[in-house]
Amino acid sequence: MMIDQQYNGINMIKGEKLEGYRLLLRRFLSGEITGHEFERLYLDKFKSEDTIWSSEIYEILNELFHDVDAFCDDPAIRNADDLSESQLRQRAKIADEELEVLSMRGQSYIE
């Protein structure tokens, strides 16, 4: 019984942490924050993250990290591998939808 309580407690904490990412995604997708603000906030959040996610969740967050890292809003210096704000917004939407699917499936945050 104690192990179940610990597992549920850890899962709840990780759920709250993941909700922080989802809130940040929704703020960007709604236009509340710019691509530059999203870039700074997401990179800071991801780089300081100490949570050990399930492989499915980590894969989504890590892929978005690479997308954010490729963001370049200035067309004068953007190369073929960089993403514009609209492209980044498309990638963020995909990540949010994938996280929603895992949430609806009752995905555990723990490996």
PDB file of N, CA and C in Angstrom:
ATOM      1  N   MET A   1       0.820  -1.187   0.000  1.00  0.00           N
ATOM      2  CA  MET A   1       0.000   0.000   0.000  1.00  0.00           C
ATOM      3  C   MET A   1       0.871   1.261   0.000  1.00  0.00           C
ATOM      4  N   MET A   2       1.939   1.264   0.787  1.00  0.00           N
ATOM      5  CA  MET A   2       2.829   2.420   0.861  1.00  0.00           C
ATOM      6  C   MET A   2       3.473   2.695  -0.489  1.00  0.00           C
ATOM      7  N   ILE A   3       3.868   1.655  -1.208  1.00  0.00           N
ATOM      8  CA  ILE A   3       4.474   1.827  -2.533  1.00  0.00           C
ATOM      9  C   ILE A   3       3.473   2.451  -3.482  1.00  0.00           C
ATOM     10  N   ASP A   4       2.222   2.037  -3.452  1.00  0.00           N
ATOM     11  CA  ASP A   4       1.175   2.623  -4.292  1.00  0.00           C
ATOM     12  C   ASP A   4       1.009   4.103  -3.991  1.00  0.00           C
ATOM     13  N   GLN A   5       1.034   4.478  -2.713  1.00  0.00           N
ATOM     14  CA  GLN A   5       0.895   5.890  -2.339  1.00  0.00           C
ATOM     15  C   GLN A   5       2.080   6.708  -2.840  1.00  0.00           C
ATOM     16  N   GLN A   6       3.291   6.149  -2.713  1.00  0.00           N
ATOM     17  CA  GLN A   6       4.476   6.849  -3.207  1.00  0.00           C
ATOM     18  C   GLN A   6       4.392   7.007  -4.723  1.00  0.00           C
ATOM     19  N   TYR A   7       4.011   5.954  -5.429  1.00  0.00           N
ATOM     20  CA  TYR A   7       3.890   5.987  -6.883  1.00  0.00           C
ATOM     21  C   TYR A   7       2.870   7.039  -7.297  1.00  0.00           C
ATOM     22  N   ASN A   8       1.716   7.058  -6.637  1.00  0.00           N
ATOM     23  CA  ASN A   8       0.675   8.028  -6.964  1.00  0.00           C
ATOM     24  C   ASN A   8       1.133   9.454  -6.649  1.00  0.00           C
ATOM     25  N   GLY A   9       1.860   9.632  -5.569  1.00  0.00           N
ATOM     26  CA  GLY A   9       2.372  10.952  -5.216  1.00  0.00           C
ATOM     27  C   GLY A   9       3.384  11.460  -6.231  1.00  0.00           C
ATOM     28  N   ILE A  10       4.300  10.599  -6.646  1.00  0.00           N
ATOM     29  CA  ILE A  10       5.289  10.967  -7.660  1.00  0.00           C
ATOM     30  C   ILE A  10       4.582  11.267  -8.971  1.00  0.00           C
ATOM     31  N   ASN A  11       3.624  10.438  -9.328  1.00  0.00           N
ATOM     32  CA  ASN A  11       2.875  10.643 -10.563  1.00  0.00           C
ATOM     33  C   ASN A  11       2.141  11.987 -10.533  1.00  0.00           C
ATOM     34  N   MET A  12       1.595  12.366  -9.362  1.00  0.00           N
ATOM     35  CA  MET A  12       0.870  13.636  -9.239  1.00  0.00           C
ATOM     36  C   MET A  12       1.833  14.813  -9.426  1.00  0.00           C
ATOM     37  N   ILE A  13       3.013  14.739  -8.813  1.00  0.00           N
ATOM     38  CA  ILE A  13       4.005  15.804  -8.941  1.00  0.00           C
ATOM     39  C   ILE A  13       4.431  15.937 -10.401  1.00  0.00           C
ATOM     40  N   LYS A  14       4.698  14.815 -11.050  1.00  0.00           N
ATOM     41  CA  LYS A  14       5.105  14.858 -12.451  1.00  0.00           C
ATOM     42  C   LYS A  14       3.969  15.375 -13.328  1.00  0.00           C
ATOM     43  N   GLY A  15       2.747  15.049 -12.989  1.00  0.00           N
ATOM     44  CA  GLY A  15       1.600  15.559 -13.732  1.00  0.00           C
ATOM     45  C   GLY A  15       1.518  17.074 -13.644  1.00  0.00           C
ATOM     46  N   GLU A  16       1.807  17.599 -12.452  1.00  0.00           N
ATOM     47  CA  GLU A  16       1.808  19.046 -12.271  1.00  0.00           C
ATOM     48  C   GLU A  16       2.940  19.694 -13.063  1.00  0.00           C
ATOM     49  N   LYS A  17       4.104  19.053 -13.093  1.00  0.00           N
ATOM     50  CA  LYS A  17       5.229  19.585 -13.859  1.00  0.00           C
ATOM     51  C   LYS A  17       4.916  19.559 -15.355  1.00  0.00           C
ATOM     52  N   LEU A  18       4.305  18.473 -15.808  1.00  0.00           N
ATOM     53  CA  LEU A  18       3.962  18.386 -17.222  1.00  0.00           C
ATOM     54  C   LEU A  18       2.914  19.428 -17.584  1.00  0.00           C
ATOM     55  N   GLU A  19       2.007  19.696 -16.670  1.00  0.00           N
ATOM     56  CA  GLU A  19       0.990  20.719 -16.915  1.00  0.00           C
ATOM     57  C   GLU A  19       1.646  22.090 -17.098  1.00  0.00           C
ATOM     58  N   GLY A  20       2.776  22.328 -16.466  1.00  0.00           N
ATOM     59  CA  GLY A  20       3.523  23.566 -16.676  1.00  0.00           C
ATOM     60  C   GLY A  20       3.988  23.705 -18.120  1.00  0.00           C
ATOM     61  N   TYR A  21       4.443  22.601 -18.699  1.00  0.00           N
ATOM     62  CA  TYR A  21       4.824  22.610 -20.120  1.00  0.00           C
ATOM     63  C   TYR A  21       3.596  22.855 -20.997  1.00  0.00           C
ATOM     64  N   ARG A  22       2.505  22.203 -20.656  1.00  0.00           N
ATOM     65  CA  ARG A  22       1.292  22.346 -21.476  1.00  0.00           C
ATOM     66  C   ARG A  22       0.753  23.768 -21.398  1.00  0.00           C
ATOM     67  N   LEU A  23       0.826  24.383 -20.237  1.00  0.00           N
ATOM     68  CA  LEU A  23       0.396  25.770 -20.089  1.00  0.00           C
ATOM     69  C   LEU A  23       1.272  26.689 -20.949  1.00  0.00           C
ATOM     70  N   LEU A  24       2.569  26.471 -20.923  1.00  0.00           N
ATOM     71  CA  LEU A  24       3.486  27.254 -21.747  1.00  0.00           C
ATOM     72  C   LEU A  24       3.173  27.067 -23.233  1.00  0.00           C
ATOM     73  N   LEU A  25       2.906  25.847 -23.640  1.00  0.00           N
ATOM     74  CA  LEU A  25       2.521  25.580 -25.035  1.00  0.00           C
ATOM     75  C   LEU A  25       1.243  26.318 -25.404  1.00  0.00           C
ATOM     76  N   ARG A  26       0.258  26.254 -24.536  1.00  0.00           N
ATOM     77  CA  ARG A  26      -1.026  26.916 -24.826  1.00  0.00           C
ATOM     78  C   ARG A  26      -0.868  28.428 -24.905  1.00  0.00           C
ATOM     79  N   ARG A  27      -0.010  29.001 -24.063  1.00  0.00           N
ATOM     80  CA  ARG A  27       0.224  30.451 -24.117  1.00  0.00           C
ATOM     81  C   ARG A  27       0.841  30.844 -25.454  1.00  0.00           C
ATOM     82  N   PHE A  28       1.761  30.035 -25.950  1.00  0.00           N
ATOM     83  CA  PHE A  28       2.393  30.303 -27.241  1.00  0.00           C
ATOM     84  C   PHE A  28       1.393  30.085 -28.380  1.00  0.00           C
ATOM     85  N   LEU A  29       0.666  28.988 -28.325  1.00  0.00           N
ATOM     86  CA  LEU A  29      -0.289  28.673 -29.397  1.00  0.00           C
ATOM     87  C   LEU A  29      -1.412  29.696 -29.488  1.00  0.00           C
ATOM     88  N   SER A  30      -1.783  30.285 -28.369  1.00  0.00           N
ATOM     89  CA  SER A  30      -2.866  31.279 -28.374  1.00  0.00           C
ATOM     90  C   SER A  30      -2.377  32.668 -28.782  1.00  0.00           C
ATOM     91  N   GLY A  31      -1.056  32.839 -28.877  1.00  0.00           N
ATOM     92  CA  GLY A  31      -0.501  34.137 -29.228  1.00  0.00           C
ATOM     93  C   GLY A  31      -0.262  35.038 -28.028  1.00  0.00           C
ATOM     94  N   GLU A  32      -0.475  34.506 -26.832  1.00  0.00           N
ATOM     95  CA  GLU A  32      -0.247  35.287 -25.616  1.00  0.00           C
ATOM     96  C   GLU A  32       1.227  35.666 -25.466  1.00  0.00           C
ATOM     97  N   ILE A  33       2.121  34.772 -25.911  1.00  0.00           N
ATOM     98  CA  ILE A  33       3.555  35.065 -25.891  1.00  0.00           C
ATOM     99  C   ILE A  33       4.115  34.863 -27.289  1.00  0.00           C
ATOM    100  N   THR A  34       5.200  35.553 -27.589  1.00  0.00           N
ATOM    101  CA  THR A  34       5.837  35.477 -28.904  1.00  0.00           C
ATOM    102  C   THR A  34       6.741  34.245 -28.992  1.00  0.00           C
ATOM    103  N   GLY A  35       7.226  34.000 -30.189  1.00  0.00           N
ATOM    104  CA  GLY A  35       8.184  32.918 -30.388  1.00  0.00           C
ATOM    105  C   GLY A  35       9.447  33.120 -29.576  1.00  0.00           C
ATOM    106  N   HIS A  36       9.917  34.367 -29.504  1.00  0.00           N
ATOM    107  CA  HIS A  36      11.121  34.659 -28.705  1.00  0.00           C
ATOM    108  C   HIS A  36      10.889  34.382 -27.230  1.00  0.00           C
ATOM    109  N   GLU A  37       9.726  34.766 -26.720  1.00  0.00           N
ATOM    110  CA  GLU A  37       9.415  34.508 -25.313  1.00  0.00           C
ATOM    111  C   GLU A  37       9.283  33.005 -25.063  1.00  0.00           C
ATOM    112  N   PHE A  38       8.602  32.318 -25.968  1.00  0.00           N
ATOM    113  CA  PHE A  38       8.448  30.872 -25.839  1.00  0.00           C
ATOM    114  C   PHE A  38       9.817  30.194 -25.875  1.00  0.00           C
ATOM    115  N   GLU A  39      10.658  30.622 -26.791  1.00  0.00           N
ATOM    116  CA  GLU A  39      12.003  30.045 -26.907  1.00  0.00           C
ATOM    117  C   GLU A  39      12.750  30.158 -25.582  1.00  0.00           C
ATOM    118  N   ARG A  40      12.793  31.352 -25.030  1.00  0.00           N
ATOM    119  CA  ARG A  40      13.518  31.581 -23.774  1.00  0.00           C
ATOM    120  C   ARG A  40      12.927  30.761 -22.631  1.00  0.00           C
ATOM    121  N   LEU A  41      11.601  30.811 -22.493  1.00  0.00           N
ATOM    122  CA  LEU A  41      10.941  30.111 -21.391  1.00  0.00           C
ATOM    123  C   LEU A  41      11.069  28.596 -21.514  1.00  0.00           C
ATOM    124  N   TYR A  42      10.874  28.071 -22.730  1.00  0.00           N
ATOM    125  CA  TYR A  42      10.949  26.620 -22.913  1.00  0.00           C
ATOM    126  C   TYR A  42      12.374  26.115 -22.694  1.00  0.00           C
ATOM    127  N   LEU A  43      13.355  26.794 -23.288  1.00  0.00           N
ATOM    128  CA  LEU A  43      14.734  26.340 -23.122  1.00  0.00           C
ATOM    129  C   LEU A  43      15.153  26.394 -21.663  1.00  0.00           C
ATOM    130  N   ASP A  44      14.800  27.465 -20.956  1.00  0.00           N
ATOM    131  CA  ASP A  44      15.120  27.559 -19.523  1.00  0.00           C
ATOM    132  C   ASP A  44      14.464  26.420 -18.747  1.00  0.00           C
ATOM    133  N   LYS A  45      13.193  26.179 -19.020  1.00  0.00           N
ATOM    134  CA  LYS A  45      12.441  25.146 -18.304  1.00  0.00           C
ATOM    135  C   LYS A  45      13.034  23.764 -18.580  1.00  0.00           C
ATOM    136  N   PHE A  46      13.264  23.458 -19.842  1.00  0.00           N
ATOM    137  CA  PHE A  46      13.740  22.128 -20.218  1.00  0.00           C
ATOM    138  C   PHE A  46      15.158  21.880 -19.695  1.00  0.00           C
ATOM    139  N   LYS A  47      16.023  22.870 -19.809  1.00  0.00           N
ATOM    140  CA  LYS A  47      17.414  22.698 -19.374  1.00  0.00           C
ATOM    141  C   LYS A  47      17.535  22.541 -17.862  1.00  0.00           C
ATOM    142  N   SER A  48      16.603  23.108 -17.115  1.00  0.00           N
ATOM    143  CA  SER A  48      16.674  23.002 -15.657  1.00  0.00           C
ATOM    144  C   SER A  48      15.826  21.854 -15.113  1.00  0.00           C
ATOM    145  N   GLU A  49      15.185  21.109 -15.999  1.00  0.00           N
ATOM    146  CA  GLU A  49      14.293  20.014 -15.591  1.00  0.00           C
ATOM    147  C   GLU A  49      15.087  18.863 -14.982  1.00  0.00           C
ATOM    148  N   ASP A  50      14.638  18.377 -13.836  1.00  0.00           N
ATOM    149  CA  ASP A  50      15.293  17.237 -13.198  1.00  0.00           C
ATOM    150  C   ASP A  50      14.379  16.012 -13.137  1.00  0.00           C
ATOM    151  N   THR A  51      13.237  16.113 -13.775  1.00  0.00           N
ATOM    152  CA  THR A  51      12.270  15.015 -13.762  1.00  0.00           C
ATOM    153  C   THR A  51      12.712  13.918 -14.718  1.00  0.00           C
ATOM    154  N   ILE A  52      12.546  12.683 -14.286  1.00  0.00           N
ATOM    155  CA  ILE A  52      12.792  11.540 -15.164  1.00  0.00           C
ATOM    156  C   ILE A  52      11.433  11.110 -15.703  1.00  0.00           C
ATOM    157  N   TRP A  53      11.171  11.489 -16.950  1.00  0.00           N
ATOM    158  CA  TRP A  53       9.880  11.234 -17.583  1.00  0.00           C
ATOM    159  C   TRP A  53       9.823   9.819 -18.158  1.00  0.00           C
ATOM    160  N   SER A  54       8.623   9.362 -18.444  1.00  0.00           N
ATOM    161  CA  SER A  54       8.475   8.137 -19.220  1.00  0.00           C
ATOM    162  C   SER A  54       9.091   8.414 -20.587  1.00  0.00           C
ATOM    163  N   SER A  55       9.486   7.378 -21.300  1.00  0.00           N
ATOM    164  CA  SER A  55      10.149   7.569 -22.597  1.00  0.00           C
ATOM    165  C   SER A  55       9.241   8.290 -23.595  1.00  0.00           C
ATOM    166  N   GLU A  56       7.941   8.024 -23.557  1.00  0.00           N
ATOM    167  CA  GLU A  56       7.022   8.679 -24.499  1.00  0.00           C
ATOM    168  C   GLU A  56       6.964  10.185 -24.258  1.00  0.00           C
ATOM    169  N   ILE A  57       6.864  10.584 -23.017  1.00  0.00           N
ATOM    170  CA  ILE A  57       6.790  12.009 -22.691  1.00  0.00           C
ATOM    171  C   ILE A  57       8.124  12.683 -22.976  1.00  0.00           C
ATOM    172  N   TYR A  58       9.202  12.048 -22.564  1.00  0.00           N
ATOM    173  CA  TYR A  58      10.524  12.635 -22.808  1.00  0.00           C
ATOM    174  C   TYR A  58      10.757  12.846 -24.298  1.00  0.00           C
ATOM    175  N   GLU A  59      10.380  11.894 -25.105  1.00  0.00           N
ATOM    176  CA  GLU A  59      10.577  11.996 -26.554  1.00  0.00           C
ATOM    177  C   GLU A  59       9.857  13.233 -27.113  1.00  0.00           C
ATOM    178  N   ILE A  60       8.646  13.480 -26.658  1.00  0.00           N
ATOM    179  CA  ILE A  60       7.879  14.644 -27.122  1.00  0.00           C
ATOM    180  C   ILE A  60       8.556  15.940 -26.668  1.00  0.00           C
ATOM    181  N   LEU A  61       8.905  16.023 -25.392  1.00  0.00           N
ATOM    182  CA  LEU A  61       9.530  17.234 -24.860  1.00  0.00           C
ATOM    183  C   LEU A  61      10.896  17.473 -25.476  1.00  0.00           C
ATOM    184  N   ASN A  62      11.661  16.430 -25.695  1.00  0.00           N
ATOM    185  CA  ASN A  62      12.999  16.556 -26.269  1.00  0.00           C
ATOM    186  C   ASN A  62      12.922  16.965 -27.746  1.00  0.00           C
ATOM    187  N   GLU A  63      11.986  16.401 -28.474  1.00  0.00           N
ATOM    188  CA  GLU A  63      11.819  16.786 -29.877  1.00  0.00           C
ATOM    189  C   GLU A  63      11.440  18.267 -29.974  1.00  0.00           C
ATOM    190  N   LEU A  64      10.569  18.716 -29.082  1.00  0.00           N
ATOM    191  CA  LEU A  64      10.197  20.122 -29.068  1.00  0.00           C
ATOM    192  C   LEU A  64      11.397  20.986 -28.678  1.00  0.00           C
ATOM    193  N   PHE A  65      12.242  20.496 -27.780  1.00  0.00           N
ATOM    194  CA  PHE A  65      13.464  21.219 -27.427  1.00  0.00           C
ATOM    195  C   PHE A  65      14.304  21.469 -28.675  1.00  0.00           C
ATOM    196  N   HIS A  66      14.459  20.453 -29.507  1.00  0.00           N
ATOM    197  CA  HIS A  66      15.239  20.597 -30.739  1.00  0.00           C
ATOM    198  C   HIS A  66      14.563  21.562 -31.707  1.00  0.00           C
ATOM    199  N   ASP A  67      13.236  21.526 -31.755  1.00  0.00           N
ATOM    200  CA  ASP A  67      12.505  22.464 -32.604  1.00  0.00           C
ATOM    201  C   ASP A  67      12.706  23.901 -32.119  1.00  0.00           C
ATOM    202  N   VAL A  68      12.621  24.098 -30.815  1.00  0.00           N
ATOM    203  CA  VAL A  68      12.805  25.440 -30.244  1.00  0.00           C
ATOM    204  C   VAL A  68      14.232  25.913 -30.499  1.00  0.00           C
ATOM    205  N   ASP A  69      15.179  25.010 -30.370  1.00  0.00           N
ATOM    206  CA  ASP A  69      16.580  25.343 -30.608  1.00  0.00           C
ATOM    207  C   ASP A  69      16.809  25.757 -32.071  1.00  0.00           C
ATOM    208  N   ALA A  70      16.000  25.241 -32.976  1.00  0.00           N
ATOM    209  CA  ALA A  70      16.131  25.559 -34.404  1.00  0.00           C
ATOM    210  C   ALA A  70      15.368  26.818 -34.796  1.00  0.00           C
ATOM    211  N   PHE A  71      14.670  27.424 -33.857  1.00  0.00           N
ATOM    212  CA  PHE A  71      13.869  28.616 -34.141  1.00  0.00           C
ATOM    213  C   PHE A  71      14.769  29.810 -34.449  1.00  0.00           C
ATOM    214  N   CYS A  72      14.459  30.498 -35.532  1.00  0.00           N
ATOM    215  CA  CYS A  72      15.148  31.737 -35.896  1.00  0.00           C
ATOM    216  C   CYS A  72      14.110  32.638 -36.553  1.00  0.00           C
ATOM    217  N   ASP A  73      13.725  33.673 -35.858  1.00  0.00           N
ATOM    218  CA  ASP A  73      12.653  34.542 -36.344  1.00  0.00           C
ATOM    219  C   ASP A  73      13.112  35.538 -37.409  1.00  0.00           C
ATOM    220  N   ASP A  74      14.407  35.740 -37.523  1.00  0.00           N
ATOM    221  CA  ASP A  74      14.934  36.721 -38.478  1.00  0.00           C
ATOM    222  C   ASP A  74      15.184  36.057 -39.829  1.00  0.00           C
ATOM    223  N   PRO A  75      14.333  36.343 -40.834  1.00  0.00           N
ATOM    224  CA  PRO A  75      14.500  35.704 -42.147  1.00  0.00           C
ATOM    225  C   PRO A  75      15.832  36.031 -42.810  1.00  0.00           C
ATOM    226  N   ALA A  76      16.460  37.137 -42.430  1.00  0.00           N
ATOM    227  CA  ALA A  76      17.733  37.522 -43.029  1.00  0.00           C
ATOM    228  C   ALA A  76      18.866  36.569 -42.653  1.00  0.00           C
ATOM    229  N   ILE A  77      18.752  35.938 -41.509  1.00  0.00           N
ATOM    230  CA  ILE A  77      19.815  35.015 -41.072  1.00  0.00           C
ATOM    231  C   ILE A  77      19.338  33.565 -40.970  1.00  0.00           C
ATOM    232  N   ARG A  78      18.062  33.319 -41.227  1.00  0.00           N
ATOM    233  CA  ARG A  78      17.513  31.968 -41.129  1.00  0.00           C
ATOM    234  C   ARG A  78      18.050  31.116 -42.277  1.00  0.00           C
ATOM    235  N   ASN A  79      18.516  29.911 -41.950  1.00  0.00           N
ATOM    236  CA  ASN A  79      18.942  28.991 -43.011  1.00  0.00           C
ATOM    237  C   ASN A  79      17.908  27.889 -43.177  1.00  0.00           C
ATOM    238  N   ALA A  80      18.179  26.959 -44.064  1.00  0.00           N
ATOM    239  CA  ALA A  80      17.202  25.924 -44.413  1.00  0.00           C
ATOM    240  C   ALA A  80      16.838  25.023 -43.233  1.00  0.00           C
ATOM    241  N   ASP A  81      17.732  24.901 -42.261  1.00  0.00           N
ATOM    242  CA  ASP A  81      17.471  24.030 -41.104  1.00  0.00           C
ATOM    243  C   ASP A  81      16.736  24.741 -39.975  1.00  0.00           C
ATOM    244  N   ASP A  82      16.621  26.062 -40.065  1.00  0.00           N
ATOM    245  CA  ASP A  82      15.966  26.842 -39.012  1.00  0.00           C
ATOM    246  C   ASP A  82      14.453  26.858 -39.200  1.00  0.00           C
ATOM    247  N   LEU A  83      13.751  27.162 -38.125  1.00  0.00           N
ATOM    248  CA  LEU A  83      12.293  27.251 -38.150  1.00  0.00           C
ATOM    249  C   LEU A  83      11.850  28.694 -37.947  1.00  0.00           C
ATOM    250  N   SER A  84      10.830  29.092 -38.695  1.00  0.00           N
ATOM    251  CA  SER A  84      10.196  30.392 -38.471  1.00  0.00           C
ATOM    252  C   SER A  84       9.243  30.264 -37.290  1.00  0.00           C
ATOM    253  N   GLU A  85       8.660  31.390 -36.868  1.00  0.00           N
ATOM    254  CA  GLU A  85       7.713  31.338 -35.760  1.00  0.00           C
ATOM    255  C   GLU A  85       6.483  30.505 -36.122  1.00  0.00           C
ATOM    256  N   SER A  86       5.998  30.639 -37.344  1.00  0.00           N
ATOM    257  CA  SER A  86       4.815  29.855 -37.728  1.00  0.00           C
ATOM    258  C   SER A  86       5.135  28.362 -37.780  1.00  0.00           C
ATOM    259  N   GLN A  87       6.338  28.018 -38.226  1.00  0.00           N
ATOM    260  CA  GLN A  87       6.740  26.602 -38.229  1.00  0.00           C
ATOM    261  C   GLN A  87       6.886  26.082 -36.805  1.00  0.00           C
ATOM    262  N   LEU A  88       7.469  26.907 -35.935  1.00  0.00           N
ATOM    263  CA  LEU A  88       7.598  26.514 -34.534  1.00  0.00           C
ATOM    264  C   LEU A  88       6.223  26.340 -33.902  1.00  0.00           C
ATOM    265  N   ARG A  89       5.303  27.215 -34.234  1.00  0.00           N
ATOM    266  CA  ARG A  89       3.943  27.111 -33.702  1.00  0.00           C
ATOM    267  C   ARG A  89       3.295  25.788 -34.161  1.00  0.00           C
ATOM    268  N   GLN A  90       3.525  25.386 -35.402  1.00  0.00           N
ATOM    269  CA  GLN A  90       3.001  24.109 -35.903  1.00  0.00           C
ATOM    270  C   GLN A  90       3.584  22.938 -35.113  1.00  0.00           C
ATOM    271  N   ARG A  91       4.887  22.984 -34.857  1.00  0.00           N
ATOM    272  CA  ARG A  91       5.541  21.912 -34.086  1.00  0.00           C
ATOM    273  C   ARG A  91       5.031  21.891 -32.652  1.00  0.00           C
ATOM    274  N   ALA A  92       4.832  23.066 -32.073  1.00  0.00           N
ATOM    275  CA  ALA A  92       4.316  23.157 -30.702  1.00  0.00           C
ATOM    276  C   ALA A  92       2.903  22.583 -30.630  1.00  0.00           C
ATOM    277  N   LYS A  93       2.112  22.830 -31.644  1.00  0.00           N
ATOM    278  CA  LYS A  93       0.746  22.294 -31.692  1.00  0.00           C
ATOM    279  C   LYS A  93       0.768  20.771 -31.729  1.00  0.00           C
ATOM    280  N   ILE A  94       1.660  20.222 -32.526  1.00  0.00           N
ATOM    281  CA  ILE A  94       1.795  18.757 -32.603  1.00  0.00           C
ATOM    282  C   ILE A  94       2.192  18.198 -31.239  1.00  0.00           C
ATOM    283  N   ALA A  95       3.169  18.823 -30.587  1.00  0.00           N
ATOM    284  CA  ALA A  95       3.612  18.356 -29.263  1.00  0.00           C
ATOM    285  C   ALA A  95       2.469  18.420 -28.266  1.00  0.00           C
ATOM    286  N   ASP A  96       1.717  19.512 -28.273  1.00  0.00           N
ATOM    287  CA  ASP A  96       0.589  19.652 -27.344  1.00  0.00           C
ATOM    288  C   ASP A  96      -0.462  18.572 -27.606  1.00  0.00           C
ATOM    289  N   GLU A  97      -0.741  18.299 -28.866  1.00  0.00           N
ATOM    290  CA  GLU A  97      -1.719  17.265 -29.208  1.00  0.00           C
ATOM    291  C   GLU A  97      -1.230  15.885 -28.778  1.00  0.00           C
ATOM    292  N   GLU A  98       0.062  15.615 -28.955  1.00  0.00           N
ATOM    293  CA  GLU A  98       0.617  14.320 -28.531  1.00  0.00           C
ATOM    294  C   GLU A  98       0.553  14.170 -27.016  1.00  0.00           C
ATOM    295  N   LEU A  99       0.846  15.243 -26.290  1.00  0.00           N
ATOM    296  CA  LEU A  99       0.750  15.190 -24.831  1.00  0.00           C
ATOM    297  C   LEU A  99      -0.694  15.005 -24.385  1.00  0.00           C
ATOM    298  N   GLU A 100      -1.620  15.614 -25.098  1.00  0.00           N
ATOM    299  CA  GLU A 100      -3.047  15.452 -24.784  1.00  0.00           C
ATOM    300  C   GLU A 100      -3.487  13.999 -24.977  1.00  0.00           C
ATOM    301  N   VAL A 101      -3.025  13.374 -26.059  1.00  0.00           N
ATOM    302  CA  VAL A 101      -3.370  11.963 -26.312  1.00  0.00           C
ATOM    303  C   VAL A 101      -2.861  11.093 -25.165  1.00  0.00           C
ATOM    304  N   LEU A 102      -1.615  11.315 -24.740  1.00  0.00           N
ATOM    305  CA  LEU A 102      -1.070  10.534 -23.624  1.00  0.00           C
ATOM    306  C   LEU A 102      -1.872  10.776 -22.356  1.00  0.00           C
ATOM    307  N   SER A 103      -2.267  12.012 -22.132  1.00  0.00           N
ATOM    308  CA  SER A 103      -3.057  12.348 -20.958  1.00  0.00           C
ATOM    309  C   SER A 103      -4.411  11.642 -20.990  1.00  0.00           C
ATOM    310  N   MET A 104      -5.038  11.637 -22.139  1.00  0.00           N
ATOM    311  CA  MET A 104      -6.354  10.993 -22.262  1.00  0.00           C
ATOM    312  C   MET A 104      -6.254   9.478 -22.114  1.00  0.00           C
ATOM    313  N   ARG A 105      -5.121   8.912 -22.483  1.00  0.00           N
ATOM    314  CA  ARG A 105      -4.904   7.466 -22.330  1.00  0.00           C
ATOM    315  C   ARG A 105      -4.569   7.111 -20.891  1.00  0.00           C
ATOM    316  N   GLY A 106      -4.383   8.134 -20.066  1.00  0.00           N
ATOM    317  CA  GLY A 106      -4.009   7.871 -18.675  1.00  0.00           C
ATOM    318  C   GLY A 106      -2.544   7.489 -18.558  1.00  0.00           C
ATOM    319  N   GLN A 107      -1.732   8.018 -19.461  1.00  0.00           N
ATOM    320  CA  GLN A 107      -0.292   7.731 -19.489  1.00  0.00           C
ATOM    321  C   GLN A 107       0.340   8.041 -18.141  1.00  0.00           C
ATOM    322  N   SER A 108       1.069   7.082 -17.639  1.00  0.00           N
ATOM    323  CA  SER A 108       1.850   7.325 -16.421  1.00  0.00           C
ATOM    324  C   SER A 108       3.056   8.172 -16.780  1.00  0.00           C
ATOM    325  N   TYR A 109       3.439   9.044 -15.886  1.00  0.00           N
ATOM    326  CA  TYR A 109       4.599   9.898 -16.111  1.00  0.00           C
ATOM    327  C   TYR A 109       5.871   9.198 -15.715  1.00  0.00           C
ATOM    328  N   ILE A 110       5.730   8.033 -15.125  1.00  0.00           N
ATOM    329  CA  ILE A 110       6.859   7.304 -14.585  1.00  0.00           C
ATOM    330  C   ILE A 110       7.144   6.098 -15.467  1.00  0.00           C
ATOM    331  N   GLU A 111       8.414   5.875 -15.734  1.00  0.00           N
ATOM    332  CA  GLU A 111       8.864   4.729 -16.530  1.00  0.00           C
ATOM    333  C   GLU A 111       8.806   3.487 -15.681  1.00  0.00           C
TER     334      GLU A 111
END
